[in-house]
Amino acid sequence: MTRFALLITSSSFSSQTIASALTFATALLESGHSLKQVFLYQDAVYSALQHIDLPSDEFNHSLMLSQFCQQHDIALHYCITAAEKRGIVSSELAAQQGYIATGLAEFAILLDDVDKLIQF
């Protein structure tokens, strides 16, 4: 059994990155592998926003990712520094449920417990 971690760097609003990551994560769990963490970095931190107002005909991949990680007890982190640089996290704005603010150093430390890192 291989232990994986996912690194997502693209915004879910400009690409299918999170949808692809979810498909991959589902397949690896079904294959008997484990997923230790999902880390959002660079523009992917936009997905952590609590108040995302999408058109009714679009999927909320950010919510789907959060629900998936909670259901399977997978750590879902986003880089607090990348979020602050983009104005996403402040005293007025909060991350949505399931997303945990961490630093890049913590992400690196947690990689010690995985065999493979896959970037989306």
N, C-alpha and C. Protein backbone atom coordinates (compact mmCIF):
# COMPACT_ATOMS: atom_id res chain seq x y z
N MET A 1 0.85 -1.18 0.00
CA MET A 1 0.00 0.00 0.00
C MET A 1 0.90 1.24 0.00
N THR A 2 0.65 2.12 -0.93
CA THR A 2 1.43 3.35 -1.07
C THR A 2 0.72 4.50 -0.38
N ARG A 3 1.48 5.34 0.30
CA ARG A 3 0.94 6.51 0.98
C ARG A 3 1.19 7.74 0.10
N PHE A 4 0.12 8.45 -0.23
CA PHE A 4 0.19 9.60 -1.13
C PHE A 4 -0.10 10.90 -0.40
N ALA A 5 0.37 11.98 -1.02
CA ALA A 5 -0.03 13.34 -0.66
C ALA A 5 -0.27 14.07 -1.97
N LEU A 6 -1.23 14.99 -1.96
CA LEU A 6 -1.54 15.77 -3.16
C LEU A 6 -1.20 17.23 -2.91
N LEU A 7 -0.59 17.85 -3.90
CA LEU A 7 -0.28 19.27 -3.89
C LEU A 7 -1.05 19.91 -5.03
N ILE A 8 -1.94 20.83 -4.70
CA ILE A 8 -2.75 21.51 -5.72
C ILE A 8 -2.29 22.96 -5.77
N THR A 9 -1.96 23.44 -6.99
CA THR A 9 -1.43 24.79 -7.12
C THR A 9 -2.28 25.70 -8.00
N SER A 10 -3.24 25.17 -8.72
CA SER A 10 -4.06 25.98 -9.63
C SER A 10 -5.41 26.27 -9.03
N SER A 11 -5.94 27.42 -9.34
CA SER A 11 -7.26 27.81 -8.86
C SER A 11 -8.33 26.91 -9.45
N SER A 12 -9.30 26.56 -8.63
CA SER A 12 -10.40 25.72 -9.11
C SER A 12 -11.34 26.50 -10.02
N PHE A 13 -11.20 27.81 -10.04
CA PHE A 13 -12.08 28.64 -10.86
C PHE A 13 -11.56 28.83 -12.27
N SER A 14 -10.29 28.52 -12.51
CA SER A 14 -9.73 28.70 -13.84
C SER A 14 -9.29 27.38 -14.49
N SER A 15 -9.48 26.28 -13.79
CA SER A 15 -9.08 24.98 -14.34
C SER A 15 -9.90 23.87 -13.68
N GLN A 16 -9.68 22.68 -14.15
CA GLN A 16 -10.35 21.50 -13.59
C GLN A 16 -9.46 20.76 -12.60
N THR A 17 -8.52 21.48 -12.02
CA THR A 17 -7.52 20.88 -11.15
C THR A 17 -8.13 20.11 -9.99
N ILE A 18 -9.04 20.73 -9.26
CA ILE A 18 -9.61 20.05 -8.08
C ILE A 18 -10.47 18.87 -8.51
N ALA A 19 -11.19 19.01 -9.61
CA ALA A 19 -11.98 17.89 -10.11
C ALA A 19 -11.07 16.71 -10.46
N SER A 20 -9.95 16.99 -11.11
CA SER A 20 -8.99 15.94 -11.46
C SER A 20 -8.37 15.33 -10.20
N ALA A 21 -8.04 16.16 -9.24
CA ALA A 21 -7.46 15.67 -7.99
C ALA A 21 -8.46 14.77 -7.25
N LEU A 22 -9.72 15.16 -7.25
CA LEU A 22 -10.75 14.34 -6.60
C LEU A 22 -10.90 12.99 -7.29
N THR A 23 -10.89 12.98 -8.60
CA THR A 23 -10.98 11.73 -9.36
C THR A 23 -9.80 10.83 -9.04
N PHE A 24 -8.60 11.41 -9.02
CA PHE A 24 -7.40 10.65 -8.69
C PHE A 24 -7.46 10.11 -7.27
N ALA A 25 -7.86 10.97 -6.32
CA ALA A 25 -7.93 10.56 -4.91
C ALA A 25 -8.91 9.42 -4.70
N THR A 26 -10.05 9.51 -5.35
CA THR A 26 -11.06 8.45 -5.25
C THR A 26 -10.49 7.13 -5.78
N ALA A 27 -9.82 7.19 -6.92
CA ALA A 27 -9.26 5.98 -7.53
C ALA A 27 -8.17 5.36 -6.66
N LEU A 28 -7.33 6.19 -6.06
CA LEU A 28 -6.26 5.60 -5.25
C LEU A 28 -6.80 4.99 -3.96
N LEU A 29 -7.83 5.58 -3.37
CA LEU A 29 -8.43 4.97 -2.18
C LEU A 29 -9.12 3.66 -2.53
N GLU A 30 -9.79 3.64 -3.69
CA GLU A 30 -10.47 2.41 -4.13
C GLU A 30 -9.46 1.31 -4.44
N SER A 31 -8.24 1.69 -4.79
CA SER A 31 -7.18 0.72 -5.09
C SER A 31 -6.44 0.24 -3.85
N GLY A 32 -6.85 0.74 -2.67
CA GLY A 32 -6.24 0.28 -1.43
C GLY A 32 -5.08 1.12 -0.94
N HIS A 33 -4.78 2.20 -1.64
CA HIS A 33 -3.70 3.09 -1.20
C HIS A 33 -4.27 4.08 -0.18
N SER A 34 -3.39 4.85 0.45
CA SER A 34 -3.86 5.84 1.41
C SER A 34 -3.46 7.24 0.96
N LEU A 35 -4.27 8.19 1.35
CA LEU A 35 -4.01 9.60 1.07
C LEU A 35 -3.87 10.29 2.40
N LYS A 36 -2.67 10.79 2.69
CA LYS A 36 -2.36 11.38 3.99
C LYS A 36 -2.76 12.85 4.07
N GLN A 37 -2.57 13.60 2.98
CA GLN A 37 -2.91 15.01 3.04
C GLN A 37 -3.10 15.59 1.65
N VAL A 38 -3.87 16.67 1.61
CA VAL A 38 -4.03 17.50 0.42
C VAL A 38 -3.60 18.89 0.84
N PHE A 39 -2.70 19.49 0.06
CA PHE A 39 -2.19 20.81 0.40
C PHE A 39 -2.43 21.76 -0.77
N LEU A 40 -3.09 22.89 -0.48
CA LEU A 40 -3.36 23.91 -1.48
C LEU A 40 -2.32 25.02 -1.35
N TYR A 41 -1.72 25.34 -2.50
CA TYR A 41 -0.65 26.33 -2.53
C TYR A 41 -0.85 27.22 -3.75
N GLN A 42 -0.21 28.35 -3.77
CA GLN A 42 -0.30 29.34 -4.84
C GLN A 42 -1.77 29.70 -5.05
N ASP A 43 -2.27 29.74 -6.30
CA ASP A 43 -3.65 30.17 -6.56
C ASP A 43 -4.70 29.17 -6.09
N ALA A 44 -4.30 27.97 -5.76
CA ALA A 44 -5.26 26.98 -5.26
C ALA A 44 -5.85 27.40 -3.92
N VAL A 45 -5.20 28.30 -3.20
CA VAL A 45 -5.72 28.73 -1.91
C VAL A 45 -7.06 29.46 -2.04
N TYR A 46 -7.38 29.95 -3.23
CA TYR A 46 -8.70 30.57 -3.45
C TYR A 46 -9.83 29.59 -3.13
N SER A 47 -9.56 28.32 -3.26
CA SER A 47 -10.58 27.29 -2.99
C SER A 47 -10.96 27.22 -1.52
N ALA A 48 -10.14 27.76 -0.66
CA ALA A 48 -10.43 27.72 0.78
C ALA A 48 -11.42 28.80 1.21
N LEU A 49 -11.73 29.73 0.33
CA LEU A 49 -12.66 30.81 0.68
C LEU A 49 -14.00 30.27 1.17
N GLN A 50 -14.49 30.83 2.24
CA GLN A 50 -15.76 30.38 2.81
C GLN A 50 -16.96 30.79 1.95
N HIS A 51 -16.94 32.00 1.47
CA HIS A 51 -18.10 32.52 0.73
C HIS A 51 -17.80 32.56 -0.76
N ILE A 52 -17.99 31.42 -1.40
CA ILE A 52 -17.81 31.31 -2.84
C ILE A 52 -19.19 31.35 -3.47
N ASP A 53 -19.40 32.31 -4.33
CA ASP A 53 -20.71 32.48 -4.97
C ASP A 53 -20.60 32.05 -6.43
N LEU A 54 -20.93 30.79 -6.69
CA LEU A 54 -20.84 30.23 -8.02
C LEU A 54 -22.20 30.24 -8.71
N PRO A 55 -22.23 30.32 -10.02
CA PRO A 55 -23.50 30.16 -10.73
C PRO A 55 -24.11 28.79 -10.40
N SER A 56 -25.42 28.71 -10.46
CA SER A 56 -26.12 27.49 -10.04
C SER A 56 -25.81 26.29 -10.93
N ASP A 57 -25.30 26.51 -12.12
CA ASP A 57 -25.01 25.39 -13.02
C ASP A 57 -23.56 24.90 -12.93
N GLU A 58 -22.81 25.41 -11.95
CA GLU A 58 -21.42 24.99 -11.78
C GLU A 58 -21.26 24.18 -10.50
N PHE A 59 -20.37 23.20 -10.56
CA PHE A 59 -20.07 22.39 -9.39
C PHE A 59 -19.18 23.18 -8.43
N ASN A 60 -19.41 23.02 -7.15
CA ASN A 60 -18.55 23.64 -6.14
C ASN A 60 -17.48 22.62 -5.75
N HIS A 61 -16.41 22.59 -6.54
CA HIS A 61 -15.35 21.61 -6.31
C HIS A 61 -14.66 21.82 -4.97
N SER A 62 -14.61 23.04 -4.51
CA SER A 62 -14.00 23.33 -3.21
C SER A 62 -14.76 22.64 -2.09
N LEU A 63 -16.09 22.74 -2.14
CA LEU A 63 -16.93 22.07 -1.15
C LEU A 63 -16.82 20.56 -1.28
N MET A 64 -16.80 20.08 -2.51
CA MET A 64 -16.69 18.64 -2.73
C MET A 64 -15.37 18.09 -2.18
N LEU A 65 -14.29 18.85 -2.35
CA LEU A 65 -12.99 18.44 -1.82
C LEU A 65 -13.02 18.39 -0.30
N SER A 66 -13.60 19.40 0.30
CA SER A 66 -13.71 19.44 1.77
C SER A 66 -14.52 18.25 2.29
N GLN A 67 -15.64 17.99 1.67
CA GLN A 67 -16.48 16.87 2.10
C GLN A 67 -15.77 15.53 1.92
N PHE A 68 -15.06 15.37 0.81
CA PHE A 68 -14.31 14.14 0.54
C PHE A 68 -13.26 13.92 1.62
N CYS A 69 -12.49 14.96 1.92
CA CYS A 69 -11.43 14.84 2.91
C CYS A 69 -11.98 14.55 4.31
N GLN A 70 -13.09 15.19 4.65
CA GLN A 70 -13.70 14.93 5.96
C GLN A 70 -14.23 13.50 6.03
N GLN A 71 -14.85 13.04 4.96
CA GLN A 71 -15.41 11.69 4.92
C GLN A 71 -14.33 10.62 5.08
N HIS A 72 -13.16 10.86 4.51
CA HIS A 72 -12.09 9.87 4.53
C HIS A 72 -10.98 10.20 5.54
N ASP A 73 -11.22 11.19 6.38
CA ASP A 73 -10.27 11.59 7.42
C ASP A 73 -8.88 11.92 6.84
N ILE A 74 -8.90 12.78 5.82
CA ILE A 74 -7.68 13.22 5.14
C ILE A 74 -7.45 14.68 5.51
N ALA A 75 -6.23 15.00 5.90
CA ALA A 75 -5.89 16.38 6.24
C ALA A 75 -5.98 17.26 5.00
N LEU A 76 -6.69 18.37 5.12
CA LEU A 76 -6.86 19.33 4.01
C LEU A 76 -6.30 20.67 4.46
N HIS A 77 -5.10 20.97 4.00
CA HIS A 77 -4.41 22.18 4.42
C HIS A 77 -4.30 23.17 3.27
N TYR A 78 -4.22 24.44 3.63
CA TYR A 78 -3.88 25.47 2.64
C TYR A 78 -2.80 26.35 3.23
N CYS A 79 -1.97 26.89 2.36
CA CYS A 79 -0.84 27.71 2.81
C CYS A 79 -1.34 29.08 3.27
N ILE A 80 -1.16 29.37 4.51
CA ILE A 80 -1.63 30.63 5.09
C ILE A 80 -0.91 31.83 4.48
N THR A 81 0.35 31.68 4.19
CA THR A 81 1.11 32.80 3.60
C THR A 81 0.61 33.10 2.19
N ALA A 82 0.38 32.08 1.39
CA ALA A 82 -0.15 32.28 0.04
C ALA A 82 -1.54 32.91 0.10
N ALA A 83 -2.33 32.50 1.08
CA ALA A 83 -3.68 33.06 1.23
C ALA A 83 -3.62 34.53 1.64
N GLU A 84 -2.74 34.85 2.58
CA GLU A 84 -2.61 36.24 3.01
C GLU A 84 -2.13 37.13 1.88
N LYS A 85 -1.21 36.66 1.08
CA LYS A 85 -0.70 37.43 -0.05
C LYS A 85 -1.78 37.73 -1.07
N ARG A 86 -2.79 36.88 -1.14
CA ARG A 86 -3.88 37.05 -2.10
C ARG A 86 -5.10 37.70 -1.47
N GLY A 87 -4.99 38.10 -0.20
CA GLY A 87 -6.10 38.77 0.48
C GLY A 87 -7.25 37.85 0.83
N ILE A 88 -6.98 36.57 0.91
CA ILE A 88 -8.05 35.59 1.14
C ILE A 88 -8.37 35.44 2.62
N VAL A 89 -7.37 35.49 3.46
CA VAL A 89 -7.57 35.28 4.89
C VAL A 89 -7.28 36.58 5.62
N SER A 90 -8.25 37.03 6.36
CA SER A 90 -8.09 38.24 7.15
C SER A 90 -9.07 38.16 8.31
N SER A 91 -9.17 39.22 9.08
CA SER A 91 -10.11 39.21 10.19
C SER A 91 -11.56 39.18 9.69
N GLU A 92 -11.80 39.65 8.45
CA GLU A 92 -13.17 39.64 7.90
C GLU A 92 -13.48 38.38 7.09
N LEU A 93 -12.44 37.76 6.55
CA LEU A 93 -12.64 36.58 5.71
C LEU A 93 -12.12 35.35 6.42
N ALA A 94 -12.88 34.29 6.34
CA ALA A 94 -12.47 33.03 6.98
C ALA A 94 -12.51 31.91 5.95
N ALA A 95 -11.77 30.87 6.22
CA ALA A 95 -11.78 29.70 5.36
C ALA A 95 -13.05 28.89 5.63
N GLN A 96 -13.45 28.14 4.62
CA GLN A 96 -14.63 27.30 4.81
C GLN A 96 -14.29 26.09 5.67
N GLN A 97 -15.32 25.46 6.17
CA GLN A 97 -15.16 24.32 7.07
C GLN A 97 -14.36 23.21 6.40
N GLY A 98 -13.44 22.64 7.15
CA GLY A 98 -12.64 21.53 6.65
C GLY A 98 -11.26 21.93 6.17
N TYR A 99 -11.07 23.21 5.88
CA TYR A 99 -9.78 23.69 5.41
C TYR A 99 -8.97 24.21 6.60
N ILE A 100 -7.72 23.76 6.72
CA ILE A 100 -6.87 24.12 7.85
C ILE A 100 -5.70 24.95 7.35
N ALA A 101 -5.50 26.11 7.95
CA ALA A 101 -4.38 26.98 7.59
C ALA A 101 -3.10 26.45 8.20
N THR A 102 -2.09 26.26 7.36
CA THR A 102 -0.79 25.82 7.83
C THR A 102 0.29 26.52 7.01
N GLY A 103 1.50 26.33 7.41
CA GLY A 103 2.61 26.89 6.67
C GLY A 103 3.24 25.87 5.76
N LEU A 104 4.06 26.35 4.87
CA LEU A 104 4.77 25.48 3.95
C LEU A 104 5.71 24.53 4.68
N ALA A 105 6.26 24.99 5.79
CA ALA A 105 7.15 24.13 6.58
C ALA A 105 6.41 22.92 7.15
N GLU A 106 5.19 23.14 7.63
CA GLU A 106 4.40 22.01 8.16
C GLU A 106 4.07 21.02 7.06
N PHE A 107 3.77 21.53 5.87
CA PHE A 107 3.52 20.66 4.72
C PHE A 107 4.74 19.77 4.47
N ALA A 108 5.91 20.38 4.47
CA ALA A 108 7.14 19.63 4.23
C ALA A 108 7.38 18.58 5.31
N ILE A 109 7.12 18.92 6.55
CA ILE A 109 7.29 17.97 7.65
C ILE A 109 6.35 16.78 7.48
N LEU A 110 5.11 17.05 7.10
CA LEU A 110 4.13 15.97 6.93
C LEU A 110 4.46 15.06 5.75
N LEU A 111 5.28 15.55 4.81
CA LEU A 111 5.68 14.72 3.68
C LEU A 111 6.58 13.57 4.10
N ASP A 112 7.13 13.64 5.28
CA ASP A 112 7.98 12.56 5.78
C ASP A 112 7.21 11.26 5.93
N ASP A 113 5.88 11.36 6.00
CA ASP A 113 5.03 10.20 6.22
C ASP A 113 4.39 9.68 4.92
N VAL A 114 4.86 10.15 3.75
CA VAL A 114 4.28 9.70 2.48
C VAL A 114 5.35 9.11 1.58
N ASP A 115 4.89 8.28 0.64
CA ASP A 115 5.80 7.67 -0.33
C ASP A 115 5.86 8.47 -1.63
N LYS A 116 4.70 9.06 -2.01
CA LYS A 116 4.64 9.78 -3.29
C LYS A 116 3.85 11.07 -3.14
N LEU A 117 4.36 12.11 -3.78
CA LEU A 117 3.68 13.40 -3.84
C LEU A 117 3.25 13.62 -5.28
N ILE A 118 1.98 13.90 -5.48
CA ILE A 118 1.43 14.15 -6.81
C ILE A 118 0.96 15.60 -6.85
N GLN A 119 1.39 16.33 -7.88
CA GLN A 119 1.00 17.73 -8.01
C GLN A 119 -0.04 17.90 -9.11
N PHE A 120 -1.06 18.70 -8.79
CA PHE A 120 -2.10 19.06 -9.76
C PHE A 120 -2.07 20.55 -9.97
